[in-house]
Amino acid sequence: MWDARYAASQVWDLEPSQFVAQPLQKVRRGHALDLGCGEGRHAIWLASKGWRVTAVDQSMVAISRLQGRAAVLGLEVEALVADATSYSPSPHAYDLALLAYLQLPVEGLKLVLGAAARALRVGGRLLLVAHDQSNIDQGVGGPQDPDLLTNPHVVAGMLTDLGLEVTRAEVVRRHVDSTVGFRVALDHVVDAIRP
């Protein structure tokens, strides 16, 4: 399904989400793992800022698009075709694990968060940005399937159970341009470190 969707058109913006760019703008660069990277807007941005990036997505079309864009920009990104729910990154190898708008049922999310947590070095950071479950009734856009949505408190609990220290877990508002002006989407951001 995702290959067909990506083949039809550019799906996501080329610019990174503000909720990824702002908290990582001044962070010391290292090795980043972008799980469910899609067409690579965050992987490309991280690489442009000096990060060494491994990007993973199940869509070959999306990964091909990422590789082409990286080549045009002269950036190096290790781009892999793999399902984030079964991908097993090297343990203790990454300074950052990013999950940006990877909307999965809770059991799949637990698998990805577990792999991401194991991949972090001591002091490594996990940053998750997702459409919030409150967005269905109170926001605009995003998945309308409640099984693909959660909230920051549930995610924070999962990360705490994995031994990470949660430093931020909150619902955030994102302005979306529409034909009737700006509308508001509700996302959540969860930030955690491996102590």
Protein backbone atom coordinates (compact mmCIF):
# COMPACT_ATOMS: atom_id res chain seq x y z
CA MET A 1 0.00 0.00 0.00
CA TRP A 2 2.78 2.45 0.92
CA ASP A 3 4.75 1.74 -2.27
CA ALA A 4 1.66 2.62 -4.32
CA ARG A 5 1.02 5.76 -2.30
CA TYR A 6 4.62 6.95 -2.61
CA ALA A 7 4.72 6.09 -6.32
CA ALA A 8 1.65 8.28 -6.95
CA SER A 9 3.14 11.50 -5.58
CA GLN A 10 5.35 13.17 -3.00
CA VAL A 11 3.51 12.32 0.23
CA TRP A 12 5.19 14.45 2.92
CA ASP A 13 6.71 17.91 3.06
CA LEU A 14 10.41 18.16 2.30
CA GLU A 15 11.05 20.25 5.40
CA PRO A 16 11.36 18.59 8.82
CA SER A 17 8.60 18.79 11.38
CA GLN A 18 9.05 21.70 13.77
CA PHE A 19 8.77 19.19 16.62
CA VAL A 20 11.86 17.39 15.30
CA ALA A 21 13.91 20.38 14.17
CA GLN A 22 13.44 22.59 17.23
CA PRO A 23 14.52 20.16 19.97
CA LEU A 24 17.43 18.80 17.90
CA GLN A 25 18.71 22.11 16.50
CA LYS A 26 21.50 22.54 19.08
CA VAL A 27 22.09 18.92 20.10
CA ARG A 28 25.60 17.50 19.72
CA ARG A 29 25.73 15.47 16.50
CA GLY A 30 26.24 11.72 16.51
CA HIS A 31 24.68 8.60 14.97
CA ALA A 32 20.92 8.83 14.39
CA LEU A 33 18.40 6.09 13.66
CA ASP A 34 15.23 7.23 11.85
CA LEU A 35 12.62 4.47 12.08
CA GLY A 36 9.72 4.64 9.64
CA CYS A 37 11.54 7.42 7.78
CA GLY A 38 9.20 7.59 4.77
CA GLU A 39 10.70 9.71 2.00
CA GLY A 40 13.41 10.85 4.37
CA ARG A 41 12.65 14.46 5.23
CA HIS A 42 14.04 14.05 8.75
CA ALA A 43 16.94 11.80 7.72
CA ILE A 44 17.99 14.36 5.08
CA TRP A 45 17.69 17.22 7.56
CA LEU A 46 19.73 15.36 10.18
CA ALA A 47 22.43 14.51 7.64
CA SER A 48 22.55 18.17 6.53
CA LYS A 49 23.23 19.13 10.15
CA GLY A 50 26.17 16.74 10.44
CA TRP A 51 24.53 13.62 11.84
CA ARG A 52 25.49 10.16 10.59
CA VAL A 53 22.08 8.71 9.73
CA THR A 54 20.59 5.26 9.33
CA ALA A 55 17.06 5.52 7.92
CA VAL A 56 14.62 2.60 7.80
CA ASP A 57 11.30 2.25 5.98
CA GLN A 58 9.31 -0.66 4.57
CA SER A 59 8.63 1.13 1.26
CA MET A 60 11.24 0.61 -1.45
CA VAL A 61 9.77 3.57 -3.35
CA ALA A 62 10.21 5.88 -0.34
CA ILE A 63 13.76 4.66 0.27
CA SER A 64 14.63 5.16 -3.42
CA ARG A 65 13.28 8.70 -3.23
CA LEU A 66 15.34 9.36 -0.09
CA GLN A 67 18.51 8.00 -1.73
CA GLY A 68 17.96 10.13 -4.84
CA ARG A 69 17.42 13.31 -2.84
CA ALA A 70 20.45 12.61 -0.65
CA ALA A 71 22.62 12.08 -3.72
CA VAL A 72 21.45 15.35 -5.31
CA LEU A 73 22.23 17.20 -2.08
CA GLY A 74 25.60 15.46 -1.64
CA LEU A 75 24.56 13.91 1.67
CA GLU A 76 25.31 10.44 2.93
CA VAL A 77 22.42 8.49 4.48
CA GLU A 78 22.40 4.74 5.08
CA ALA A 79 18.89 3.94 3.80
CA LEU A 80 17.44 0.48 4.43
CA VAL A 81 14.24 -1.20 3.27
CA ALA A 82 12.86 -2.97 6.34
CA ASP A 83 9.73 -3.14 8.44
CA ALA A 84 10.29 -1.05 11.58
CA THR A 85 8.35 -3.57 13.70
CA SER A 86 10.80 -6.38 12.90
CA TYR A 87 14.01 -4.42 12.21
CA SER A 88 16.74 -5.08 14.77
CA PRO A 89 19.28 -2.24 14.95
CA SER A 90 22.69 -2.74 16.51
CA PRO A 91 22.44 -2.40 20.28
CA HIS A 92 23.98 0.61 22.04
CA ALA A 93 25.07 2.09 18.68
CA TYR A 94 23.00 5.29 18.38
CA ASP A 95 22.90 8.71 19.99
CA LEU A 96 19.39 9.39 18.70
CA ALA A 97 16.41 7.23 17.82
CA LEU A 98 13.68 9.13 15.98
CA LEU A 99 10.10 8.01 15.42
CA ALA A 100 8.28 10.77 13.57
CA TYR A 101 4.65 10.11 12.69
CA LEU A 102 5.11 6.34 12.64
CA GLN A 103 1.50 5.51 13.49
CA LEU A 104 1.15 1.89 14.59
CA PRO A 105 -1.20 -0.19 16.72
CA VAL A 106 0.01 -0.37 20.34
CA GLU A 107 1.61 -3.81 19.99
CA GLY A 108 3.59 -2.72 16.93
CA LEU A 109 4.59 0.52 18.65
CA LYS A 110 5.87 -1.45 21.65
CA LEU A 111 8.08 -3.54 19.35
CA VAL A 112 9.55 -0.47 17.65
CA LEU A 113 10.09 1.39 20.92
CA GLY A 114 11.81 -1.67 22.40
CA ALA A 115 14.20 -1.92 19.45
CA ALA A 116 14.84 1.85 19.52
CA ALA A 117 15.55 1.82 23.27
CA ARG A 118 18.00 -1.08 22.93
CA ALA A 119 19.75 0.75 20.09
CA LEU A 120 20.60 3.76 22.26
CA ARG A 121 23.97 4.35 23.87
CA VAL A 122 24.08 5.58 27.46
CA GLY A 123 22.99 9.20 27.24
CA GLY A 124 21.25 8.53 23.92
CA ARG A 125 17.93 10.18 23.20
CA LEU A 126 14.64 8.87 21.86
CA LEU A 127 12.34 11.43 20.27
CA LEU A 128 8.82 10.46 19.24
CA VAL A 129 6.39 12.77 17.44
CA ALA A 130 2.96 11.41 16.54
CA HIS A 131 -0.61 12.35 15.79
CA ASP A 132 -2.44 12.39 19.12
CA GLN A 133 -5.61 10.40 19.79
CA SER A 134 -7.42 13.66 20.65
CA ASN A 135 -6.85 14.82 17.07
CA ILE A 136 -9.75 12.70 15.77
CA ASP A 137 -12.35 14.82 17.62
CA GLN A 138 -10.50 18.08 18.23
CA GLY A 139 -7.99 18.49 15.40
CA VAL A 140 -7.57 18.17 11.67
CA GLY A 141 -5.86 15.59 9.44
CA GLY A 142 -3.90 12.53 10.46
CA PRO A 143 -5.19 8.97 10.73
CA GLN A 144 -8.82 8.59 11.68
CA ASP A 145 -8.35 5.02 12.97
CA PRO A 146 -8.22 5.14 16.78
CA ASP A 147 -6.16 1.93 16.80
CA LEU A 148 -3.28 3.89 15.22
CA LEU A 149 -3.36 6.69 17.79
CA THR A 150 -2.19 6.99 21.36
CA ASN A 151 -1.27 9.78 23.76
CA PRO A 152 1.93 11.03 25.40
CA HIS A 153 1.21 9.41 28.75
CA VAL A 154 0.85 5.93 27.26
CA VAL A 155 4.08 6.33 25.27
CA ALA A 156 5.90 7.74 28.32
CA GLY A 157 4.80 4.70 30.33
CA MET A 158 6.14 2.34 27.65
CA LEU A 159 9.50 4.13 27.61
CA THR A 160 9.75 4.17 31.40
CA ASP A 161 9.11 0.40 31.38
CA LEU A 162 12.02 0.10 28.91
CA GLY A 163 14.36 1.84 31.35
CA LEU A 164 14.41 5.26 29.71
CA GLU A 165 14.01 8.54 31.57
CA VAL A 166 11.23 10.62 30.07
CA THR A 167 12.03 14.35 29.96
CA ARG A 168 9.01 15.56 28.00
CA ALA A 169 5.59 14.10 27.26
CA GLU A 170 2.93 16.50 26.05
CA VAL A 171 0.27 17.26 23.48
CA VAL A 172 1.32 20.02 21.06
CA ARG A 173 -0.61 22.11 18.55
CA ARG A 174 0.40 22.33 14.90
CA HIS A 175 -1.07 24.87 12.49
CA VAL A 176 -2.19 23.41 9.18
CA ASP A 177 -2.86 25.68 6.22
CA SER A 178 -6.20 24.97 4.53
CA THR A 179 -8.53 26.60 2.04
CA VAL A 180 -10.38 28.23 4.98
CA GLY A 181 -7.24 29.50 6.74
CA PHE A 182 -5.22 27.89 9.47
CA ARG A 183 -6.61 24.91 11.31
CA VAL A 184 -5.08 23.10 14.28
CA ALA A 185 -3.79 19.53 14.41
CA LEU A 186 -3.01 17.91 17.75
CA ASP A 187 0.20 15.89 17.96
CA HIS A 188 2.25 14.67 20.86
CA VAL A 189 5.95 14.79 21.58
CA VAL A 190 7.74 12.38 23.89
CA ASP A 191 11.44 12.85 24.58
CA ALA A 192 13.48 10.43 26.66
CA ILE A 193 17.11 9.52 27.38
CA ARG A 194 18.91 6.32 28.28
CA PRO A 195 20.42 7.03 31.73
